Protein backbone atom coordinates (compact mmCIF):
# COMPACT_ATOMS: atom_id res chain seq x y z
CA UNK A 1 10.50 -30.14 -68.94
CA UNK A 2 14.15 -30.04 -69.96
CA UNK A 3 16.00 -32.68 -71.99
CA UNK A 4 17.61 -34.22 -68.93
CA UNK A 5 14.24 -34.56 -67.25
CA UNK A 6 12.71 -36.06 -70.40
CA UNK A 7 15.47 -38.65 -70.46
CA UNK A 8 14.92 -39.46 -66.78
CA UNK A 9 11.18 -39.76 -67.40
CA UNK A 10 11.79 -42.74 -69.68
CA UNK A 11 12.69 -44.96 -66.75
CA UNK A 12 11.52 -42.92 -63.67
CA UNK A 13 8.60 -40.53 -64.31
CA UNK A 14 8.23 -39.76 -60.60
CA UNK A 15 11.86 -38.65 -60.30
CA UNK A 16 11.57 -36.49 -63.42
CA UNK A 17 8.36 -34.86 -62.16
CA UNK A 18 9.84 -34.12 -58.71
CA UNK A 19 12.98 -32.66 -60.27
CA UNK A 20 10.98 -30.36 -62.52
CA UNK A 21 8.63 -29.32 -59.72
CA UNK A 22 11.41 -28.36 -57.31
CA UNK A 23 13.36 -26.61 -60.04
CA UNK A 24 10.33 -24.47 -60.84
CA UNK A 25 9.78 -23.69 -57.16
CA UNK A 26 13.37 -22.53 -56.75
CA UNK A 27 13.05 -20.42 -59.87
CA UNK A 28 9.90 -18.76 -58.53
CA UNK A 29 11.35 -17.81 -55.11
CA UNK A 30 14.85 -16.37 -55.08
CA UNK A 31 14.83 -16.56 -51.30
CA UNK A 32 14.69 -20.35 -51.55
CA UNK A 33 17.73 -20.62 -53.79
CA UNK A 34 20.93 -21.87 -52.13
CA UNK A 35 24.01 -19.72 -52.51
CA UNK A 36 27.51 -19.22 -51.21
CA UNK A 37 26.49 -16.03 -49.37
CA UNK A 38 23.77 -17.73 -47.34
CA UNK A 39 25.23 -19.07 -44.10
CA UNK A 40 22.08 -20.41 -42.44
CA UNK A 41 20.14 -23.37 -43.76
CA UNK A 42 16.37 -23.84 -43.96
CA UNK A 43 14.90 -25.68 -41.00
CA UNK A 44 11.48 -27.29 -41.36
CA UNK A 45 11.65 -29.18 -38.08
CA UNK A 46 8.70 -29.03 -35.71
CA UNK A 47 8.61 -26.41 -32.99
CA UNK A 48 9.29 -29.03 -30.34
CA UNK A 49 12.28 -30.39 -32.27
CA UNK A 50 13.83 -26.94 -32.68
CA UNK A 51 13.35 -25.98 -29.03
CA UNK A 52 14.46 -29.39 -27.83
CA UNK A 53 17.84 -28.97 -29.56
CA UNK A 54 18.64 -25.54 -28.16
CA UNK A 55 16.10 -24.50 -25.53
CA UNK A 56 18.22 -25.33 -22.49
CA UNK A 57 21.33 -23.71 -24.00
CA UNK A 58 19.43 -20.52 -24.91
CA UNK A 59 18.12 -20.31 -21.37
CA UNK A 60 21.65 -20.60 -19.99
CA UNK A 61 23.05 -17.97 -22.37
CA UNK A 62 20.24 -15.54 -21.49
CA UNK A 63 20.89 -15.97 -17.77
CA UNK A 64 24.62 -15.45 -18.27
CA UNK A 65 24.02 -12.21 -20.18
CA UNK A 66 21.71 -10.92 -17.47
CA UNK A 67 24.28 -11.71 -14.80
CA UNK A 68 27.29 -10.22 -16.60
CA UNK A 69 26.09 -7.49 -18.95
CA UNK A 70 24.16 -4.42 -17.92
CA UNK A 71 22.42 -3.99 -21.29
CA UNK A 72 20.70 -7.38 -21.07
CA UNK A 73 19.73 -6.69 -17.48
CA UNK A 74 18.36 -3.28 -18.43
CA UNK A 75 16.23 -4.73 -21.25
CA UNK A 76 14.62 -7.16 -18.82
CA UNK A 77 14.20 -4.45 -16.16
CA UNK A 78 12.35 -2.17 -18.59
CA UNK A 79 10.11 -4.92 -19.92
CA UNK A 80 9.09 -6.11 -16.45
CA UNK A 81 8.44 -2.52 -15.40
CA UNK A 82 6.19 -1.90 -18.42
CA UNK A 83 4.39 -5.27 -18.45
CA UNK A 84 3.43 -5.77 -14.78
CA UNK A 85 4.73 -2.66 -13.00
CA UNK A 86 5.73 -2.23 -9.35
CA UNK A 87 2.42 -3.42 -7.86
CA UNK A 88 1.63 -6.18 -10.34
CA UNK A 89 -1.43 -6.52 -12.54
CA UNK A 90 -4.38 -4.69 -10.96
CA UNK A 91 -7.77 -6.42 -10.88
CA UNK A 92 -11.16 -4.72 -10.97
CA UNK A 93 -14.08 -7.15 -10.42
CA UNK A 94 -17.03 -6.68 -12.76
CA UNK A 95 -19.50 -8.96 -10.98
CA UNK A 96 -23.14 -8.02 -11.57
CA UNK A 97 -26.45 -8.72 -9.89
CA UNK A 98 -29.47 -10.19 -11.60
CA UNK A 99 -30.54 -6.67 -12.66
CA UNK A 100 -27.38 -6.27 -14.70
CA UNK A 101 -25.81 -3.67 -12.40
CA UNK A 102 -22.45 -3.96 -10.63
CA UNK A 103 -22.86 -5.69 -7.27
CA UNK A 104 -20.90 -3.11 -5.28
CA UNK A 105 -21.32 -4.70 -1.84
CA UNK A 106 -20.13 -8.13 -2.98
CA UNK A 107 -17.26 -6.60 -4.96
CA UNK A 108 -16.19 -4.61 -1.91
CA UNK A 109 -16.17 -7.75 0.26
CA UNK A 110 -14.23 -9.69 -2.38
CA UNK A 111 -11.59 -6.97 -2.71
CA UNK A 112 -11.06 -6.92 1.07
CA UNK A 113 -9.97 -10.56 1.24
CA UNK A 114 -8.11 -10.21 -2.10
CA UNK A 115 -6.05 -7.37 -0.64
CA UNK A 116 -5.22 -9.53 2.38
CA UNK A 117 -4.20 -12.47 0.14
CA UNK A 118 -1.86 -10.24 -1.85
CA UNK A 119 0.38 -9.83 1.20
CA UNK A 120 1.59 -13.48 1.15
CA UNK A 121 0.42 -15.19 -2.05
CA UNK A 122 3.22 -17.78 -2.43
CA UNK A 123 4.46 -20.67 -0.33
CA UNK A 124 7.72 -19.17 0.98
CA UNK A 125 6.02 -16.09 2.41
CA UNK A 126 8.91 -13.95 1.14
CA UNK A 127 7.15 -12.28 -1.79
CA UNK A 128 4.09 -10.08 -1.87
CA UNK A 129 1.79 -9.89 -4.90
CA UNK A 130 3.82 -7.28 -6.78
CA UNK A 131 7.20 -8.94 -6.14
CA UNK A 132 5.81 -12.36 -7.08
CA UNK A 133 4.46 -11.10 -10.40
CA UNK A 134 7.63 -9.17 -11.23
CA UNK A 135 9.81 -12.22 -10.56
CA UNK A 136 7.44 -14.47 -12.52
CA UNK A 137 7.41 -12.06 -15.45
CA UNK A 138 11.19 -11.72 -15.44
CA UNK A 139 11.67 -15.49 -15.38
CA UNK A 140 9.14 -15.89 -18.19
CA UNK A 141 10.91 -13.33 -20.39
CA UNK A 142 14.49 -14.40 -19.67
CA UNK A 143 14.05 -18.20 -19.56
CA UNK A 144 11.18 -18.33 -22.03
CA UNK A 145 8.92 -20.10 -19.54
CA UNK A 146 8.16 -20.68 -15.88
CA UNK A 147 5.67 -22.73 -13.89
CA UNK A 148 3.52 -22.18 -10.83
CA UNK A 149 1.70 -24.89 -8.90
CA UNK A 150 -1.62 -23.92 -7.32
CA UNK A 151 -1.89 -25.34 -3.80
CA UNK A 152 -5.43 -25.30 -2.38
CA UNK A 153 -6.86 -26.34 0.95
CA UNK A 154 -4.93 -28.53 3.36
CA UNK A 155 -1.50 -29.50 2.03
CA UNK A 156 0.88 -31.60 4.18
CA UNK A 157 3.62 -29.42 5.66
CA UNK A 158 2.28 -26.18 4.16
CA UNK A 159 0.91 -23.29 6.17
CA UNK A 160 -0.94 -20.80 3.98
CA UNK A 161 0.00 -17.21 4.70
CA UNK A 162 -3.53 -15.81 4.36
CA UNK A 163 -7.08 -16.52 5.53
CA UNK A 164 -7.92 -18.00 2.13
CA UNK A 165 -6.18 -21.41 1.89
CA UNK A 166 -4.63 -20.82 -1.50
CA UNK A 167 -0.93 -20.42 -2.30
CA UNK A 168 1.35 -20.57 -5.32
CA UNK A 169 4.62 -22.46 -5.68
CA UNK A 170 6.89 -20.78 -8.24
CA UNK A 171 8.94 -23.28 -10.26
CA UNK A 172 11.83 -22.63 -12.65
CA UNK A 173 11.80 -24.23 -16.09
CA UNK A 174 14.88 -26.32 -15.18
CA UNK A 175 12.63 -28.64 -13.17
CA UNK A 176 10.65 -29.53 -16.32
CA UNK A 177 13.07 -31.85 -18.18
CA UNK A 178 13.66 -31.32 -21.89
CA UNK A 179 14.83 -34.92 -22.32
CA UNK A 180 11.82 -36.68 -20.82
CA UNK A 181 9.92 -38.15 -23.80
CA UNK A 182 7.61 -41.14 -23.92
CA UNK A 183 5.72 -41.60 -27.16
CA UNK A 184 3.47 -44.33 -25.73
CA UNK A 185 2.27 -42.01 -22.95
CA UNK A 186 2.23 -38.95 -25.23
CA UNK A 187 4.88 -37.22 -23.12
CA UNK A 188 6.98 -34.61 -24.93
CA UNK A 189 9.72 -32.71 -23.10
CA UNK A 190 8.14 -33.47 -19.73
CA UNK A 191 4.57 -32.51 -20.70
CA UNK A 192 1.89 -35.16 -21.02
CA UNK A 193 -0.91 -34.46 -23.51
CA UNK A 194 -4.05 -36.16 -24.78
CA UNK A 195 -4.73 -37.05 -28.41
CA UNK A 196 -5.88 -33.50 -29.17
CA UNK A 197 -2.78 -31.87 -27.73
CA UNK A 198 -4.40 -30.64 -24.50
CA UNK A 199 -2.06 -30.75 -21.52
CA UNK A 200 -2.92 -33.49 -19.04
CA UNK A 201 0.02 -33.45 -16.62
CA UNK A 202 3.52 -32.15 -16.02
CA UNK A 203 6.41 -34.39 -14.96
CA UNK A 204 8.53 -32.24 -12.65
CA UNK A 205 11.87 -32.97 -10.98
CA UNK A 206 11.55 -33.13 -7.21
CA UNK A 207 14.85 -31.26 -6.87
CA UNK A 208 16.59 -28.64 -8.97
CA UNK A 209 19.02 -30.34 -11.41
CA UNK A 210 21.42 -27.43 -10.96
CA UNK A 211 22.01 -28.28 -7.30
CA UNK A 212 25.16 -30.40 -7.05
CA UNK A 213 23.86 -32.35 -4.06
CA UNK A 214 20.81 -33.54 -5.98
CA UNK A 215 22.26 -34.36 -9.40
CA UNK A 216 22.53 -38.05 -8.55
CA UNK A 217 18.94 -38.23 -7.30
CA UNK A 218 16.79 -36.69 -10.03
CA UNK A 219 13.34 -38.17 -9.68
CA UNK A 220 10.17 -36.75 -11.22
CA UNK A 221 6.65 -36.40 -9.91
CA UNK A 222 3.46 -36.17 -11.95
CA UNK A 223 1.41 -33.00 -11.37
CA UNK A 224 -2.04 -32.69 -12.88
CA UNK A 225 -2.31 -29.90 -15.44
CA UNK A 226 -5.37 -28.40 -13.73
CA UNK A 227 -3.14 -27.42 -10.81
CA UNK A 228 -0.18 -26.16 -12.82
CA UNK A 229 0.24 -22.83 -14.58
CA UNK A 230 2.74 -22.77 -17.45
CA UNK A 231 3.81 -19.37 -18.72
CA UNK A 232 5.62 -19.77 -22.00
CA UNK A 233 6.75 -17.61 -24.89
CA UNK A 234 6.00 -19.55 -28.06
CA UNK A 235 6.30 -18.80 -31.78
CA UNK A 236 5.04 -22.07 -33.25
CA UNK A 237 1.67 -23.85 -33.17
CA UNK A 238 1.54 -26.60 -30.53
CA UNK A 239 5.01 -25.71 -29.26
CA UNK A 240 5.35 -27.39 -25.88
CA UNK A 241 8.14 -25.30 -24.35
CA UNK A 242 8.93 -21.59 -24.39
CA UNK A 243 11.94 -19.67 -25.68
CA UNK A 244 13.65 -16.60 -24.20
CA UNK A 245 12.79 -13.20 -25.66
CA UNK A 246 16.56 -12.67 -25.92
CA UNK A 247 17.00 -15.73 -28.17
CA UNK A 248 17.18 -13.84 -31.47
CA UNK A 249 19.48 -11.10 -30.14
CA UNK A 250 21.98 -13.10 -28.08
CA UNK A 251 24.63 -12.78 -30.82
CA UNK A 252 24.03 -9.06 -31.19
CA UNK A 253 24.30 -8.46 -27.44
CA UNK A 254 27.45 -10.57 -27.20
CA UNK A 255 29.02 -8.66 -30.12
CA UNK A 256 28.16 -5.37 -28.47
CA UNK A 257 29.64 -6.56 -25.17
CA UNK A 258 32.86 -7.76 -26.84
CA UNK A 259 33.24 -4.52 -28.82
CA UNK A 260 32.78 -2.41 -25.70
CA UNK A 261 35.35 -4.53 -23.89
CA UNK A 262 37.86 -4.13 -26.73
CA UNK A 263 37.46 -0.35 -26.76
CA UNK A 264 37.78 -0.22 -22.98
CA UNK A 265 40.98 -2.26 -23.00
CA UNK A 266 42.41 -0.13 -25.83
CA UNK A 267 41.66 3.04 -23.89
CA UNK A 268 43.40 1.64 -20.80
CA UNK A 269 46.46 0.66 -22.85
CA UNK A 270 46.51 4.12 -24.40
CA UNK A 271 46.38 5.73 -20.97
CA UNK A 272 49.30 3.58 -19.79
CA UNK A 273 51.61 4.50 -22.71
CA UNK A 274 54.26 7.18 -22.01
CA UNK A 275 56.89 7.92 -24.62
CA UNK A 276 59.78 6.55 -26.68
CA UNK A 277 63.11 8.01 -27.79
CA UNK A 278 63.61 8.46 -31.50
CA UNK A 279 67.34 8.19 -32.30
CA UNK A 280 67.40 9.89 -35.68
CA UNK A 281 68.39 8.39 -39.05
CA UNK A 282 69.66 4.82 -39.26
CA UNK A 283 73.13 5.89 -40.47
CA UNK A 284 73.66 7.98 -37.35
CA UNK A 285 73.16 5.00 -35.05
CA UNK A 286 76.24 4.01 -33.01
CA UNK A 287 76.25 0.57 -31.46
CA UNK A 288 77.08 0.46 -27.73
CA UNK A 289 80.41 -0.88 -26.67
CA UNK A 290 80.68 -4.45 -25.41
CA UNK A 291 79.25 -4.78 -21.91
CA UNK A 292 77.44 -1.44 -22.05
CA UNK A 293 73.81 -2.45 -21.49
CA UNK A 294 72.67 0.68 -19.77
CA UNK A 295 68.85 0.90 -19.77
CA UNK A 296 67.93 4.55 -19.96
CA UNK A 297 64.79 5.25 -17.94
CA UNK A 298 63.37 8.72 -17.37
CA UNK A 299 60.88 9.52 -14.65
CA UNK A 300 57.71 11.24 -15.88
CA UNK A 301 55.74 13.83 -13.96
CA UNK A 302 53.43 16.74 -14.85
CA UNK A 303 55.23 19.92 -15.91
CA UNK A 304 58.70 18.32 -15.98
CA UNK A 305 61.55 19.68 -18.09
CA UNK A 306 63.04 16.86 -20.19
CA UNK A 307 66.80 17.39 -20.62
CA UNK A 308 68.32 13.93 -20.91
CA UNK A 309 68.46 13.46 -24.67
CA UNK A 310 71.65 12.85 -26.61
CA UNK A 311 72.60 14.35 -29.93
CA UNK A 312 70.10 13.50 -32.69
CA UNK A 313 67.45 12.11 -30.31
CA UNK A 314 63.90 13.28 -29.79
CA UNK A 315 60.93 12.14 -27.71
CA UNK A 316 57.89 10.62 -29.44
CA UNK A 317 54.56 9.40 -28.11
CA UNK A 318 52.32 6.54 -29.25
CA UNK A 319 48.76 7.46 -30.22
CA UNK A 320 46.16 4.65 -30.28
CA UNK A 321 43.22 6.98 -31.03
CA UNK A 322 40.98 5.02 -28.70
CA UNK A 323 38.18 4.93 -27.95
CA UNK A 324 37.12 5.15 -31.57
CA UNK A 325 34.89 7.99 -32.72
CA UNK A 326 32.61 5.33 -34.20
CA UNK A 327 31.93 3.78 -30.79
CA UNK A 328 28.93 5.98 -29.94
CA UNK A 329 26.97 5.59 -33.22
CA UNK A 330 27.75 1.87 -33.43
CA UNK A 331 26.68 1.33 -29.83
CA UNK A 332 23.49 3.34 -30.42
CA UNK A 333 22.56 1.35 -33.52
CA UNK A 334 23.22 -2.05 -31.96
CA UNK A 335 21.38 -1.13 -28.77
CA UNK A 336 18.40 0.23 -30.70
CA UNK A 337 18.07 -2.98 -32.73
CA UNK A 338 18.50 -5.19 -29.68
CA UNK A 339 15.86 -3.26 -27.70
CA UNK A 340 13.29 -3.23 -30.49
CA UNK A 341 13.83 -6.91 -31.29
CA UNK A 342 13.32 -7.91 -27.66
CA UNK A 343 10.16 -5.80 -27.39
CA UNK A 344 11.46 -2.89 -25.30
CA UNK A 345 11.58 0.81 -26.19
CA UNK A 346 15.05 2.08 -27.05
CA UNK A 347 14.79 5.34 -25.08
CA UNK A 348 13.87 3.49 -21.89
CA UNK A 349 16.72 1.00 -22.26
CA UNK A 350 19.41 3.50 -23.24
CA UNK A 351 18.24 6.53 -21.22
CA UNK A 352 18.60 8.56 -24.43
CA UNK A 353 15.58 10.89 -24.62
CA UNK A 354 16.86 13.27 -27.27
CA UNK A 355 14.12 14.08 -29.73
CA UNK A 356 10.97 16.08 -30.27
CA UNK A 357 7.75 15.59 -28.36
CA UNK A 358 6.15 13.97 -31.42
CA UNK A 359 9.01 11.48 -31.81
CA UNK A 360 9.00 10.55 -28.13
CA UNK A 361 5.24 10.23 -28.14
CA UNK A 362 5.27 8.01 -31.23
CA UNK A 363 7.88 5.70 -29.73
CA UNK A 364 5.93 5.50 -26.50
CA UNK A 365 2.62 4.72 -28.21
CA UNK A 366 4.14 2.01 -30.43
CA UNK A 367 6.16 0.62 -27.54
CA UNK A 368 3.14 0.32 -25.29
CA UNK A 369 1.32 -1.48 -28.06
CA UNK A 370 3.93 -4.23 -27.75
CA UNK A 371 3.89 -4.11 -23.95
CA UNK A 372 0.09 -4.47 -24.00
CA UNK A 373 0.37 -7.67 -26.03
CA UNK A 374 2.82 -9.13 -23.51
CA UNK A 375 0.63 -7.95 -20.62
CA UNK A 376 -2.34 -9.73 -22.19
CA UNK A 377 -0.29 -12.95 -22.52
CA UNK A 378 0.80 -12.69 -18.88
CA UNK A 379 -2.77 -12.09 -17.71
CA UNK A 380 -4.22 -15.01 -19.69
CA UNK A 381 -1.54 -17.47 -18.59
CA UNK A 382 -1.03 -16.35 -14.99
CA UNK A 383 -3.26 -13.64 -13.49
CA UNK A 384 -6.67 -14.82 -14.73
CA UNK A 385 -6.28 -18.50 -13.67
CA UNK A 386 -5.10 -17.35 -10.23
CA UNK A 387 -8.07 -14.99 -9.90
CA UNK A 388 -10.53 -17.81 -10.65
CA UNK A 389 -8.84 -20.22 -8.24
CA UNK A 390 -8.75 -17.58 -5.53
CA UNK A 391 -12.51 -16.95 -5.81
CA UNK A 392 -13.21 -20.69 -5.74
CA UNK A 393 -11.17 -21.23 -2.60
CA UNK A 394 -12.56 -18.11 -0.92
CA UNK A 395 -16.09 -19.50 -1.39
CA UNK A 396 -15.24 -23.11 -0.52
CA UNK A 397 -13.40 -22.07 2.66
CA UNK A 398 -16.37 -19.99 3.80
CA UNK A 399 -14.45 -16.71 3.72
CA UNK A 400 -16.70 -15.32 0.99
CA UNK A 401 -20.47 -15.66 0.92
CA UNK A 402 -22.18 -15.23 -2.45
CA UNK A 403 -25.48 -13.31 -2.17
CA UNK A 404 -28.49 -14.81 -3.89
CA UNK A 405 -28.86 -11.87 -6.29
CA UNK A 406 -25.42 -12.34 -7.85
CA UNK A 407 -25.46 -13.30 -11.53
CA UNK A 408 -23.26 -16.39 -11.36
CA UNK A 409 -22.33 -16.01 -15.02
CA UNK A 410 -20.35 -12.93 -14.03
CA UNK A 411 -18.67 -14.40 -10.93
CA UNK A 412 -15.19 -14.47 -12.50
CA UNK A 413 -15.57 -11.39 -14.65
CA UNK A 414 -12.92 -8.75 -14.00
CA UNK A 415 -10.76 -6.20 -15.72
CA UNK A 416 -7.00 -6.74 -15.59
CA UNK A 417 -4.82 -3.69 -16.05
CA UNK A 418 -1.07 -3.40 -16.46
CA UNK A 419 0.96 -0.21 -15.99
CA UNK A 420 -0.50 2.83 -17.70
CA UNK A 421 1.42 4.67 -20.40
CA UNK A 422 3.31 7.58 -18.78
CA UNK A 423 2.80 11.16 -19.83
CA UNK A 424 5.42 13.06 -21.80
CA UNK A 425 3.72 16.45 -21.57
CA UNK A 426 1.13 16.39 -18.72
CA UNK A 427 -0.72 19.48 -19.97
CA UNK A 428 -1.19 18.10 -23.48
CA UNK A 429 -2.13 14.64 -22.25
CA UNK A 430 -4.63 15.94 -19.68
CA UNK A 431 -6.26 18.27 -22.18
CA UNK A 432 -6.52 15.43 -24.66
CA UNK A 433 -8.35 13.21 -22.16
CA UNK A 434 -10.57 16.14 -21.16
CA UNK A 435 -11.60 16.76 -24.77
CA UNK A 436 -12.26 13.05 -25.42
CA UNK A 437 -14.47 12.78 -22.35
CA UNK A 438 -16.48 15.91 -23.17
CA UNK A 439 -16.99 14.85 -26.78
CA UNK A 440 -18.06 11.37 -25.72
CA UNK A 441 -15.16 9.50 -27.31
CA UNK A 442 -14.03 8.11 -23.94
CA UNK A 443 -15.78 7.68 -20.61
CA UNK A 444 -14.35 8.96 -17.36
CA UNK A 445 -14.16 5.36 -16.11
CA UNK A 446 -12.11 4.28 -19.12
CA UNK A 447 -9.70 7.19 -18.64
CA UNK A 448 -9.27 6.42 -14.94
CA UNK A 449 -8.55 2.76 -15.72
CA UNK A 450 -6.08 3.79 -18.42
CA UNK A 451 -4.24 5.84 -15.82
CA UNK A 452 -4.02 2.83 -13.53
CA UNK A 453 -6.81 3.76 -11.12
CA UNK A 454 -10.08 2.21 -10.01
CA UNK A 455 -13.11 4.30 -11.04
CA UNK A 456 -15.20 3.44 -7.97
CA UNK A 457 -12.32 4.10 -5.57
CA UNK A 458 -11.60 7.38 -7.33
CA UNK A 459 -15.25 8.43 -7.08
CA UNK A 460 -15.42 7.53 -3.38
CA UNK A 461 -12.22 9.44 -2.65
CA UNK A 462 -13.39 12.54 -4.52
CA UNK A 463 -16.77 12.48 -2.73
CA UNK A 464 -15.18 12.05 0.71
CA UNK A 465 -12.73 14.87 0.00
CA UNK A 466 -15.37 17.30 -1.24
CA UNK A 467 -17.73 16.47 1.61
CA UNK A 468 -14.90 17.21 4.05
CA UNK A 469 -14.06 20.43 2.19
CA UNK A 470 -17.70 21.61 2.33
CA UNK A 471 -17.89 20.77 6.03
CA UNK A 472 -14.85 22.96 6.66
CA UNK A 473 -15.93 25.79 4.31
CA UNK A 474 -13.04 25.10 1.95
CA UNK A 475 -13.26 25.78 -1.78
CA UNK A 476 -10.93 24.32 -4.42
CA UNK A 477 -10.62 25.06 -8.13
CA UNK A 478 -11.12 21.35 -8.89
CA UNK A 479 -14.79 21.59 -7.89
CA UNK A 480 -16.56 22.86 -11.00
CA UNK A 481 -19.73 23.87 -9.16
CA UNK A 482 -17.90 26.91 -7.81
CA UNK A 483 -16.56 28.09 -11.19
CA UNK A 484 -19.17 30.87 -11.64
CA UNK A 485 -19.29 32.17 -8.06
CA UNK A 486 -18.25 35.88 -8.05
CA UNK A 487 -16.46 35.54 -4.70
CA UNK A 488 -13.86 33.32 -6.34
CA UNK A 489 -12.44 36.22 -8.35
CA UNK A 490 -8.72 36.40 -7.67
CA UNK A 491 -7.21 39.91 -7.47
CA UNK A 492 -4.78 40.44 -10.29
CA UNK A 493 -6.42 37.86 -12.55
CA UNK A 494 -7.81 40.13 -15.27
CA UNK A 495 -9.71 37.39 -17.10
CA UNK A 496 -11.46 36.12 -13.98
CA UNK A 497 -12.31 39.63 -12.74
CA UNK A 498 -13.74 40.58 -16.15
CA UNK A 499 -15.87 37.43 -16.25
CA UNK A 500 -17.16 38.14 -12.71
CA UNK A 501 -18.02 41.78 -13.53
CA UNK A 502 -19.93 40.72 -16.65
CA UNK A 503 -21.99 38.18 -14.71
CA UNK A 504 -22.77 40.78 -11.98
CA UNK A 505 -23.98 43.36 -14.55
CA UNK A 506 -26.13 40.74 -16.27
CA UNK A 507 -27.75 39.82 -12.96
């Protein structure tokens, strides 16, 4: 304790102790020391307080960038493509019978009505399953959150688009007010919770606050939490509302946009410049006579001969040297950092695929690690709850009968699969999977799922195809049982002919 602190301790020990404690803490962590080069200030507010101050503004900035800048739009396009894909998250039921085996007949019946529901899963009837999930995922990433109300059974004024009376109403985050707080009812930013923080209900505007005709009539309705899905991107424990994935890179994207615009304008100005007339040394200048204000203009055209100069004059041109030679590397660096920070792969966003196979493969593997995390979040918050509700309504409506030998503990069990990682070199990738299957490191089913297929469907298709081939006396190289038949020797294939001759001599 320093002398000043000892003096303070004489009349305020608590003050002296606090001063010494904080001084020691600042001395231990240089990152906590204030300085003139640190622009930002520490913020120890709660997650709700931080989001409440800037959540709506961040959402608006992210939407504006998507609307007016192709880079932001491309980042979102790539992430949606890699997280849910063109057809949406695929579902493979894993329901078992009491013997522990997959109940194939029940699964087949369930998938039939699931496929029919996917044609019109939401209330407007405009979106199929894939389009609904892509739009939901895009809204979730860009706005930081989105909601979906599950409508089951008979609902006044609603006609379900499928045989199973279950539909989704997609809701933008704007309809969940940031400024609706009621401490007595435990309502924070429009979300009502119990004492443990579990969501009880959502207080939703009946009309979109962005519609001018409804701004004077903004009333809310209370929707029970068991009927509402809330996809949100959170970074803090117990954070009520989500934040856009573009939040931390909005400044970087805006700087990149402004720099590109400046270079583009400079290039246009440079292209519009023609020439000027240099009149020689200052002492040779002769002022025009009074009243002589002749403006000398010379028409410019390709290949012209310029012969209108006076004594001592010469033609000069203005060089702006734009666009700058630093534009490409600067743009590449900024775009790379923006892509990685948002969670997208740089090559996919930029279309720049220069690099070795190893480098491309490494980027793809690491990138899909991040995409898989986001896919898992999307599945847990959106796909899985919808799957459970769909099965419930299919059973309650009588469209799906559960056999007595179904293990009810596995009724909701299913595998959810996002887009598979694409191949860079098909031969290398296929050989790798082949080796892993033969050595027992991966099963054929796991490989098929990883490639985005359904193992049972694949097996059925292969069997049907090979049965049809056998019935028509057709032989294909893909059928391994014909590999050692001598009649398959192809003329001109020295290896195959040698192998066939050896087998014939051995016989």
